[in-house]
C-alpha atoms as a PDB file:
ATOM      1  CA  MET A   1       0.173  -0.350   0.107  1.00  0.00           C
ATOM      2  CA  LYS A   2       1.544   2.877  -1.111  1.00  0.00           C
ATOM      3  CA  LYS A   3       2.211   5.783   1.874  1.00  0.00           C
ATOM      4  CA  LYS A   4       0.264   9.050   0.864  1.00  0.00           C
ATOM      5  CA  LYS A   5       2.667  11.758   0.359  1.00  0.00           C
ATOM      6  CA  GLN A   6       3.407  14.346   3.159  1.00  0.00           C
ATOM      7  CA  LYS A   7       1.933  17.972   2.050  1.00  0.00           C
ATOM      8  CA  THR A   8       5.260  20.520   2.848  1.00  0.00           C
ATOM      9  CA  LYS A   9       4.453  23.263   5.417  1.00  0.00           C
ATOM     10  CA  LYS A  10       4.255  26.205   4.033  1.00  0.00           C
ATOM     11  CA  ILE A  11       5.854  28.999   5.713  1.00  0.00           C
ATOM     12  CA  GLN A  12       3.758  32.532   5.750  1.00  0.00           C
ATOM     13  CA  PRO A  13       5.274  35.897   5.812  1.00  0.00           C
ATOM     14  CA  PHE A  14       4.870  37.520   9.079  1.00  0.00           C
ATOM     15  CA  PRO A  15       1.424  39.977   9.020  1.00  0.00           C
ATOM     16  CA  ILE A  16       2.980  43.986   8.280  1.00  0.00           C
ATOM     17  CA  GLU A  17       2.664  45.119  11.775  1.00  0.00           C
ATOM     18  CA  ARG A  18       5.476  42.617  12.957  1.00  0.00           C
ATOM     19  CA  GLN A  19       8.190  42.852   9.938  1.00  0.00           C
ATOM     20  CA  ILE A  20       9.924  46.035  11.548  1.00  0.00           C
ATOM     21  CA  PRO A  21       9.706  44.228  15.459  1.00  0.00           C
ATOM     22  CA  TRP A  22      10.992  41.092  13.709  1.00  0.00           C
ATOM     23  CA  LEU A  23      13.940  42.962  11.659  1.00  0.00           C
ATOM     24  CA  GLU A  24      14.758  44.743  14.809  1.00  0.00           C
ATOM     25  CA  GLU A  25      14.983  41.507  16.862  1.00  0.00           C
ATOM     26  CA  LEU A  26      17.040  39.830  13.886  1.00  0.00           C
ATOM     27  CA  ASN A  27      19.394  42.558  14.239  1.00  0.00           C
ATOM     28  CA  ARG A  28      20.021  42.281  17.839  1.00  0.00           C
ATOM     29  CA  ARG A  29      20.710  38.663  17.342  1.00  0.00           C
ATOM     30  CA  ASP A  30      23.252  39.710  14.726  1.00  0.00           C
ATOM     31  CA  GLN A  31      21.141  37.659  12.413  1.00  0.00           C
ATOM     32  CA  LEU A  32      20.770  40.419   9.767  1.00  0.00           C
ATOM     33  CA  SER A  33      22.120  41.864   6.691  1.00  0.00           C
ATOM     34  CA  ILE A  34      21.472  44.553   4.547  1.00  0.00           C
ATOM     35  CA  PHE A  35      21.876  44.175   0.613  1.00  0.00           C
ATOM     36  CA  VAL A  36      22.588  48.268  -0.849  1.00  0.00           C
ATOM     37  CA  GLY A  37      21.208  48.863  -4.229  1.00  0.00           C
ATOM     38  CA  ALA A  38      22.375  52.011  -6.389  1.00  0.00           C
ATOM     39  CA  GLY A  39      19.035  53.530  -5.119  1.00  0.00           C
ATOM     40  CA  ILE A  40      21.340  54.651  -1.805  1.00  0.00           C
ATOM     41  CA  SER A  41      24.167  55.980  -3.788  1.00  0.00           C
ATOM     42  CA  ALA A  42      21.302  58.647  -6.373  1.00  0.00           C
ATOM     43  CA  SER A  43      20.449  59.558  -2.753  1.00  0.00           C
ATOM     44  CA  CYS A  44      23.920  60.810  -2.090  1.00  0.00           C
ATOM     45  CA  GLY A  45      23.456  62.554  -5.412  1.00  0.00           C
ATOM     46  CA  LEU A  46      25.717  59.882  -8.007  1.00  0.00           C
ATOM     47  CA  PRO A  47      24.371  59.144 -10.979  1.00  0.00           C
ATOM     48  CA  ASP A  48      22.355  55.944 -11.305  1.00  0.00           C
ATOM     49  CA  TRP A  49      23.551  53.098 -13.762  1.00  0.00           C
ATOM     50  CA  ASP A  50      21.867  55.269 -16.883  1.00  0.00           C
ATOM     51  CA  THR A  51      23.256  58.065 -16.133  1.00  0.00           C
ATOM     52  CA  LEU A  52      26.494  56.717 -15.635  1.00  0.00           C
ATOM     53  CA  LYS A  53      26.537  54.971 -19.311  1.00  0.00           C
ATOM     54  CA  SER A  54      25.185  57.803 -20.695  1.00  0.00           C
ATOM     55  CA  MET A  55      28.285  59.520 -19.218  1.00  0.00           C
ATOM     56  CA  LEU A  56      30.928  56.855 -20.357  1.00  0.00           C
ATOM     57  CA  LYS A  57      29.469  56.768 -24.225  1.00  0.00           C
ATOM     58  CA  LEU A  58      30.627  60.554 -23.954  1.00  0.00           C
ATOM     59  CA  GLU A  59      33.985  59.885 -22.371  1.00  0.00           C
ATOM     60  CA  VAL A  60      34.311  57.103 -25.740  1.00  0.00           C
ATOM     61  CA  GLU A  61      33.260  59.119 -28.255  1.00  0.00           C
ATOM     62  CA  SER A  62      35.721  62.305 -27.157  1.00  0.00           C
ATOM     63  CA  GLN A  63      38.303  59.488 -28.028  1.00  0.00           C
ATOM     64  CA  ASP A  64      36.667  59.907 -31.292  1.00  0.00           C
ATOM     65  CA  VAL A  65      35.173  56.265 -31.127  1.00  0.00           C
ATOM     66  CA  ILE A  66      31.451  55.657 -32.502  1.00  0.00           C
ATOM     67  CA  VAL A  67      29.450  53.775 -30.614  1.00  0.00           C
ATOM     68  CA  PRO A  68      26.744  51.448 -31.987  1.00  0.00           C
ATOM     69  CA  PRO A  69      23.437  52.115 -30.474  1.00  0.00           C
ATOM     70  CA  SER A  70      23.326  48.289 -30.070  1.00  0.00           C
ATOM     71  CA  ASP A  71      26.997  47.654 -28.663  1.00  0.00           C
ATOM     72  CA  ASP A  72      27.589  47.775 -24.861  1.00  0.00           C
ATOM     73  CA  VAL A  73      29.268  51.383 -23.884  1.00  0.00           C
ATOM     74  CA  ALA A  74      31.319  49.612 -21.103  1.00  0.00           C
ATOM     75  CA  ASN A  75      32.998  47.193 -22.624  1.00  0.00           C
ATOM     76  CA  ILE A  76      33.821  49.569 -25.742  1.00  0.00           C
ATOM     77  CA  ALA A  77      35.191  51.557 -22.819  1.00  0.00           C
ATOM     78  CA  ARG A  78      37.595  49.195 -21.288  1.00  0.00           C
ATOM     79  CA  ARG A  79      39.026  48.794 -24.688  1.00  0.00           C
ATOM     80  CA  VAL A  80      39.315  52.378 -25.396  1.00  0.00           C
ATOM     81  CA  PHE A  81      40.688  52.897 -22.073  1.00  0.00           C
ATOM     82  CA  GLY A  82      42.512  50.340 -20.885  1.00  0.00           C
ATOM     83  CA  SER A  83      44.123  50.386 -17.320  1.00  0.00           C
ATOM     84  CA  LYS A  84      42.583  53.857 -17.232  1.00  0.00           C
ATOM     85  CA  PHE A  85      39.222  52.231 -17.619  1.00  0.00           C
ATOM     86  CA  ASN A  86      38.573  52.635 -13.772  1.00  0.00           C
ATOM     87  CA  ALA A  87      39.569  55.891 -13.574  1.00  0.00           C
ATOM     88  CA  VAL A  88      37.325  57.210 -16.299  1.00  0.00           C
ATOM     89  CA  VAL A  89      34.722  55.524 -14.457  1.00  0.00           C
ATOM     90  CA  ALA A  90      35.390  57.242 -11.434  1.00  0.00           C
ATOM     91  CA  ASP A  91      35.495  60.312 -12.803  1.00  0.00           C
ATOM     92  CA  CYS A  92      32.293  59.982 -14.531  1.00  0.00           C
ATOM     93  CA  LEU A  93      30.536  58.584 -10.999  1.00  0.00           C
ATOM     94  CA  TYR A  94      32.069  61.609  -8.528  1.00  0.00           C
ATOM     95  CA  ARG A  95      32.421  64.487 -11.134  1.00  0.00           C
ATOM     96  CA  LYS A  96      29.563  66.231  -9.723  1.00  0.00           C
ATOM     97  CA  GLY A  97      30.578  65.220  -6.114  1.00  0.00           C
ATOM     98  CA  LEU A  98      28.424  64.229  -3.622  1.00  0.00           C
ATOM     99  CA  SER A  99      26.245  64.860  -0.047  1.00  0.00           C
ATOM    100  CA  ILE A 100      26.090  61.808   2.065  1.00  0.00           C
ATOM    101  CA  SER A 101      22.230  61.577   2.502  1.00  0.00           C
ATOM    102  CA  LYS A 102      19.646  60.095   5.703  1.00  0.00           C
ATOM    103  CA  ASN A 103      19.508  56.947   3.886  1.00  0.00           C
ATOM    104  CA  ALA A 104      22.986  56.388   4.118  1.00  0.00           C
ATOM    105  CA  LEU A 105      23.481  57.273   7.331  1.00  0.00           C
ATOM    106  CA  ALA A 106      20.945  55.580   8.491  1.00  0.00           C
ATOM    107  CA  ILE A 107      21.855  51.844   7.184  1.00  0.00           C
ATOM    108  CA  ALA A 108      25.957  53.361   8.455  1.00  0.00           C
ATOM    109  CA  ASN A 109      24.465  53.795  12.157  1.00  0.00           C
ATOM    110  CA  SER A 110      21.647  50.478  11.919  1.00  0.00           C
ATOM    111  CA  GLY A 111      24.866  48.549  13.587  1.00  0.00           C
ATOM    112  CA  VAL A 112      24.104  45.991  11.035  1.00  0.00           C
ATOM    113  CA  ARG A 113      27.597  44.725  10.631  1.00  0.00           C
ATOM    114  CA  SER A 114      27.302  42.317   7.284  1.00  0.00           C
ATOM    115  CA  ILE A 115      26.767  44.923   4.649  1.00  0.00           C
ATOM    116  CA  VAL A 116      26.630  43.756   1.049  1.00  0.00           C
ATOM    117  CA  CYS A 117      27.010  46.890  -1.149  1.00  0.00           C
ATOM    118  CA  PHE A 118      27.056  46.304  -4.661  1.00  0.00           C
ATOM    119  CA  ASN A 119      27.760  50.189  -5.995  1.00  0.00           C
ATOM    120  CA  PHE A 120      31.092  50.940  -6.988  1.00  0.00           C
ATOM    121  CA  ASP A 121      31.189  53.879  -4.448  1.00  0.00           C
ATOM    122  CA  ASP A 122      33.083  54.340  -0.965  1.00  0.00           C
ATOM    123  CA  ILE A 123      30.158  56.341   0.545  1.00  0.00           C
ATOM    124  CA  LEU A 124      29.267  53.842   2.911  1.00  0.00           C
ATOM    125  CA  GLU A 125      33.127  53.616   3.849  1.00  0.00           C
ATOM    126  CA  GLU A 126      33.099  57.734   4.315  1.00  0.00           C
ATOM    127  CA  ILE A 127      30.370  57.668   6.894  1.00  0.00           C
ATOM    128  CA  TYR A 128      32.109  54.575   9.162  1.00  0.00           C
ATOM    129  CA  GLN A 129      35.037  56.113   8.840  1.00  0.00           C
ATOM    130  CA  SER A 130      33.742  59.925  10.426  1.00  0.00           C
ATOM    131  CA  GLU A 131      31.260  58.014  13.044  1.00  0.00           C
ATOM    132  CA  CYS A 132      34.474  56.237  13.934  1.00  0.00           C
ATOM    133  CA  ILE A 133      32.972  52.703  13.444  1.00  0.00           C
ATOM    134  CA  ASN A 134      35.762  50.221  13.232  1.00  0.00           C
ATOM    135  CA  HIS A 135      35.028  48.348   9.516  1.00  0.00           C
ATOM    136  CA  SER A 136      36.651  46.249   6.603  1.00  0.00           C
ATOM    137  CA  VAL A 137      36.262  46.115   3.037  1.00  0.00           C
ATOM    138  CA  VAL A 138      36.213  42.915   1.189  1.00  0.00           C
ATOM    139  CA  LEU A 139      36.562  43.172  -2.764  1.00  0.00           C
ATOM    140  CA  ASN A 140      36.287  39.932  -4.976  1.00  0.00           C
ATOM    141  CA  GLY A 141      39.139  37.267  -4.327  1.00  0.00           C
ATOM    142  CA  GLU A 142      39.915  38.561  -1.118  1.00  0.00           C
ATOM    143  CA  ARG A 143      39.863  36.629   2.441  1.00  0.00           C
ATOM    144  CA  PHE A 144      36.706  37.587   4.355  1.00  0.00           C
ATOM    145  CA  ASN A 145      35.094  36.073   7.795  1.00  0.00           C
ATOM    146  CA  LEU A 146      31.348  36.671   8.579  1.00  0.00           C
ATOM    147  CA  ASN A 147      32.132  36.317  12.323  1.00  0.00           C
ATOM    148  CA  ASN A 148      34.037  39.584  12.214  1.00  0.00           C
ATOM    149  CA  GLU A 149      33.148  41.562  15.309  1.00  0.00           C
ATOM    150  CA  HIS A 150      33.379  44.840  13.395  1.00  0.00           C
ATOM    151  CA  VAL A 151      31.125  45.755  10.101  1.00  0.00           C
ATOM    152  CA  THR A 152      32.143  43.548   7.078  1.00  0.00           C
ATOM    153  CA  ILE A 153      31.152  45.656   3.450  1.00  0.00           C
ATOM    154  CA  PHE A 154      31.472  43.358   0.675  1.00  0.00           C
ATOM    155  CA  HIS A 155      31.457  45.007  -2.785  1.00  0.00           C
ATOM    156  CA  PRO A 156      30.509  42.023  -5.307  1.00  0.00           C
ATOM    157  CA  HIS A 157      30.813  44.337  -8.154  1.00  0.00           C
ATOM    158  CA  GLY A 158      34.123  46.158  -7.231  1.00  0.00           C
ATOM    159  CA  TYR A 159      34.740  49.430  -5.682  1.00  0.00           C
ATOM    160  CA  VAL A 160      36.515  52.346  -7.126  1.00  0.00           C
ATOM    161  CA  GLY A 161      37.079  54.968  -3.881  1.00  0.00           C
ATOM    162  CA  ARG A 162      36.659  58.954  -4.330  1.00  0.00           C
ATOM    163  CA  PHE A 163      40.081  59.584  -3.134  1.00  0.00           C
ATOM    164  CA  ASP A 164      42.003  56.220  -4.648  1.00  0.00           C
ATOM    165  CA  SER A 165      45.549  56.944  -7.057  1.00  0.00           C
ATOM    166  CA  GLU A 166      45.736  56.175 -10.166  1.00  0.00           C
ATOM    167  CA  ASP A 167      47.932  52.977  -9.486  1.00  0.00           C
ATOM    168  CA  GLU A 168      44.775  51.911  -7.066  1.00  0.00           C
ATOM    169  CA  TYR A 169      42.527  52.417 -10.301  1.00  0.00           C
ATOM    170  CA  ALA A 170      44.718  50.247 -12.345  1.00  0.00           C
ATOM    171  CA  VAL A 171      44.401  47.111 -10.710  1.00  0.00           C
ATOM    172  CA  GLY A 172      40.903  47.121  -9.697  1.00  0.00           C
ATOM    173  CA  ASN A 173      38.676  45.075 -11.408  1.00  0.00           C
ATOM    174  CA  ILE A 174      34.576  46.138 -11.283  1.00  0.00           C
ATOM    175  CA  VAL A 175      31.450  44.656 -12.774  1.00  0.00           C
ATOM    176  CA  LEU A 176      29.690  46.914 -15.065  1.00  0.00           C
ATOM    177  CA  SER A 177      29.503  46.165 -18.857  1.00  0.00           C
ATOM    178  CA  GLU A 178      27.616  43.165 -20.155  1.00  0.00           C
ATOM    179  CA  SER A 179      30.113  40.613 -20.445  1.00  0.00           C
ATOM    180  CA  ASP A 180      30.887  41.410 -16.912  1.00  0.00           C
ATOM    181  CA  TYR A 181      27.438  40.515 -15.949  1.00  0.00           C
ATOM    182  CA  LYS A 182      27.201  37.696 -18.011  1.00  0.00           C
ATOM    183  CA  ASN A 183      30.758  35.667 -16.667  1.00  0.00           C
ATOM    184  CA  LEU A 184      29.280  36.413 -12.917  1.00  0.00           C
ATOM    185  CA  TYR A 185      26.083  34.557 -13.721  1.00  0.00           C
ATOM    186  CA  ASP A 186      27.713  31.669 -15.628  1.00  0.00           C
ATOM    187  CA  ASP A 187      30.215  31.345 -12.305  1.00  0.00           C
ATOM    188  CA  HIS A 188      28.209  29.785  -9.800  1.00  0.00           C
ATOM    189  CA  TYR A 189      31.546  29.085  -7.734  1.00  0.00           C
ATOM    190  CA  CYS A 190      32.876  32.320  -8.260  1.00  0.00           C
ATOM    191  CA  LEU A 191      33.498  34.038  -4.247  1.00  0.00           C
ATOM    192  CA  THR A 192      31.505  36.432  -5.632  1.00  0.00           C
ATOM    193  CA  ASN A 193      28.120  34.513  -5.361  1.00  0.00           C
ATOM    194  CA  LEU A 194      29.453  32.170  -2.534  1.00  0.00           C
ATOM    195  CA  ILE A 195      29.390  35.274  -0.329  1.00  0.00           C
ATOM    196  CA  GLN A 196      25.973  36.424  -0.954  1.00  0.00           C
ATOM    197  CA  LEU A 197      25.189  32.986  -1.356  1.00  0.00           C
ATOM    198  CA  SER A 198      25.815  32.189   2.351  1.00  0.00           C
ATOM    199  CA  MET A 199      23.969  35.369   3.427  1.00  0.00           C
ATOM    200  CA  LEU A 200      20.820  34.052   2.021  1.00  0.00           C
ATOM    201  CA  LEU A 201      21.452  31.025   3.624  1.00  0.00           C
ATOM    202  CA  THR A 202      22.358  31.936   6.860  1.00  0.00           C
ATOM    203  CA  LYS A 203      21.203  35.260   7.358  1.00  0.00           C
ATOM    204  CA  THR A 204      17.913  37.301   7.163  1.00  0.00           C
ATOM    205  CA  VAL A 205      18.630  40.305   4.190  1.00  0.00           C
ATOM    206  CA  LEU A 206      17.012  43.346   3.713  1.00  0.00           C
ATOM    207  CA  PHE A 207      17.241  44.443   0.619  1.00  0.00           C
ATOM    208  CA  VAL A 208      17.838  48.521   0.394  1.00  0.00           C
ATOM    209  CA  GLY A 209      17.708  50.612  -2.829  1.00  0.00           C
ATOM    210  CA  MET A 210      16.807  47.832  -5.197  1.00  0.00           C
ATOM    211  CA  SER A 211      14.017  47.323  -7.801  1.00  0.00           C
ATOM    212  CA  MET A 212      14.702  43.295  -7.326  1.00  0.00           C
ATOM    213  CA  THR A 213      15.284  42.747 -10.755  1.00  0.00           C
ATOM    214  CA  ASP A 214      19.021  41.656 -11.131  1.00  0.00           C
ATOM    215  CA  PRO A 215      19.072  38.462 -12.915  1.00  0.00           C
ATOM    216  CA  ASN A 216      21.742  37.179 -10.652  1.00  0.00           C
ATOM    217  CA  THR A 217      20.617  38.387  -7.295  1.00  0.00           C
ATOM    218  CA  LEU A 218      17.452  36.580  -8.510  1.00  0.00           C
ATOM    219  CA  ARG A 219      18.924  33.494  -9.160  1.00  0.00           C
ATOM    220  CA  LEU A 220      20.920  33.264  -6.103  1.00  0.00           C
ATOM    221  CA  LEU A 221      17.284  33.915  -4.061  1.00  0.00           C
ATOM    222  CA  LYS A 222      16.095  30.863  -6.158  1.00  0.00           C
ATOM    223  CA  LYS A 223      19.439  28.746  -5.217  1.00  0.00           C
ATOM    224  CA  SER A 224      19.046  29.379  -1.589  1.00  0.00           C
ATOM    225  CA  ARG A 225      14.875  28.468  -1.951  1.00  0.00           C
ATOM    226  CA  GLU A 226      16.175  25.010  -3.250  1.00  0.00           C
ATOM    227  CA  VAL A 227      18.514  24.408  -0.894  1.00  0.00           C
ATOM    228  CA  GLY A 228      15.628  23.852   1.986  1.00  0.00           C
ATOM    229  CA  VAL A 229      15.656  27.702   3.524  1.00  0.00           C
ATOM    230  CA  LYS A 230      12.103  28.515   4.510  1.00  0.00           C
ATOM    231  CA  GLY A 231      12.371  32.103   6.444  1.00  0.00           C
ATOM    232  CA  TRP A 232      12.080  35.205   4.838  1.00  0.00           C
ATOM    233  CA  HIS A 233      14.592  37.808   3.519  1.00  0.00           C
ATOM    234  CA  TYR A 234      12.666  41.738   3.115  1.00  0.00           C
ATOM    235  CA  ALA A 235      12.881  44.226   0.316  1.00  0.00           C
ATOM    236  CA  LEU A 236      12.221  47.852   1.212  1.00  0.00           C
ATOM    237  CA  MET A 237       9.760  48.438  -1.987  1.00  0.00           C
ATOM    238  CA  VAL A 238       8.339  52.005  -2.421  1.00  0.00           C
ATOM    239  CA  SER A 239       4.507  51.802  -2.966  1.00  0.00           C
ATOM    240  CA  GLY A 240       2.696  52.090  -6.570  1.00  0.00           C
ATOM    241  CA  SER A 241      -0.974  51.921  -7.258  1.00  0.00           C
ATOM    242  CA  ARG A 242      -2.976  48.911  -5.798  1.00  0.00           C
ATOM    243  CA  GLU A 243      -2.294  46.311  -8.788  1.00  0.00           C
ATOM    244  CA  GLU A 244       0.998  47.003  -9.023  1.00  0.00           C
ATOM    245  CA  LYS A 245       1.596  46.076  -5.725  1.00  0.00           C
ATOM    246  CA  GLU A 246      -0.378  43.326  -5.909  1.00  0.00           C
ATOM    247  CA  THR A 247       1.815  42.351  -8.716  1.00  0.00           C
ATOM    248  CA  GLN A 248       5.221  43.179  -6.730  1.00  0.00           C
ATOM    249  CA  THR A 249       4.551  40.826  -3.814  1.00  0.00           C
ATOM    250  CA  LYS A 250       2.905  37.368  -5.543  1.00  0.00           C
ATOM    251  CA  ARG A 251       6.238  38.447  -7.578  1.00  0.00           C
ATOM    252  CA  LEU A 252       8.772  38.986  -4.845  1.00  0.00           C
ATOM    253  CA  ARG A 253       7.051  36.189  -2.485  1.00  0.00           C
ATOM    254  CA  ARG A 254       8.073  33.035  -5.042  1.00  0.00           C
ATOM    255  CA  MET A 255      11.817  34.313  -4.326  1.00  0.00           C
ATOM    256  CA  GLY A 256      10.941  34.265  -0.667  1.00  0.00           C
ATOM    257  CA  VAL A 257      11.274  37.693  -0.480  1.00  0.00           C
ATOM    258  CA  ASP A 258       8.287  40.246   1.773  1.00  0.00           C
ATOM    259  CA  PRO A 259       8.109  43.710   0.729  1.00  0.00           C
ATOM    260  CA  VAL A 260       8.403  46.206   3.185  1.00  0.00           C
ATOM    261  CA  TRP A 261       6.017  49.239   1.460  1.00  0.00           C
ATOM    262  CA  TYR A 262       6.710  53.085   1.989  1.00  0.00           C
ATOM    263  CA  LYS A 263       5.213  55.900   0.187  1.00  0.00           C
ATOM    264  CA  ASN A 264       8.363  57.968  -0.284  1.00  0.00           C
ATOM    265  CA  HIS A 265      12.080  57.367  -0.101  1.00  0.00           C
ATOM    266  CA  SER A 266      12.462  59.598   2.689  1.00  0.00           C
ATOM    267  CA  GLU A 267      10.696  57.179   5.008  1.00  0.00           C
ATOM    268  CA  ILE A 268      13.541  54.879   4.695  1.00  0.00           C
ATOM    269  CA  PRO A 269      15.772  56.969   7.459  1.00  0.00           C
ATOM    270  CA  LYS A 270      13.054  56.178   9.393  1.00  0.00           C
ATOM    271  CA  LEU A 271      12.244  52.484   8.809  1.00  0.00           C
ATOM    272  CA  ILE A 272      16.346  51.582   9.301  1.00  0.00           C
ATOM    273  CA  GLU A 273      16.363  53.638  12.261  1.00  0.00           C
ATOM    274  CA  SER A 274      13.376  51.093  13.792  1.00  0.00           C
ATOM    275  CA  ILE A 275      15.068  48.211  13.810  1.00  0.00           C
ATOM    276  CA  SER A 276      18.769  49.994  14.456  1.00  0.00           C
ATOM    277  CA  LYS A 277      20.158  48.468  17.501  1.00  0.00           C
END
């Protein structure tokens, strides 16, 4: 006689009023990580990805090189500028200066010790230094320890500091072109992916300033679900229409991510402060 197949118990997310208290509790236990996206850099006055690529295109064209609409400007720029590519990107990034936003300050003062920052800039590092918060920066290929007593900031897409030297720019490696992203996506076991996956497997992640559409992030979320992670991650998401919220909620929950809705970007600092330890 065949045994009846037992149904897997479905784990439901917390109701909205329990989201923030739960995140605050996780932070107190050092079980919370924050994944930081371009929205935080943009809040400090830095260009978003589309603007950065447009600026990079102008730099390439200033070298009398034509950029066809269908080609990847970052790939062309890397060929044109060679070892100076990172320096050119840094110039585009910091050219108009920046101002530290309340959003970035809130993240730095949250008490969360594991930060994954997908941006190239050194905004968080500058805040940690000025606030005298002990921290370390980890780039792809470097040794790391997720159990440090201090803040660890991991830059999976690389890093170009505002005050780096030409030599430092020359040896750095950033993920910007389509081929860069493809290589990252194809190499399941590269350190960049393994560190992100380890966070998704061992901690609860709060996504801040991210659109939640990056293919590599979505793949890693799916993989963490496949290996048995039943808890929920969370993403700060700006409210749209009722229909948009319903669609986004269904999409995110299929990946094990529960949206934390807010109406205006000015609400982000209060939300993060409310989970700070």
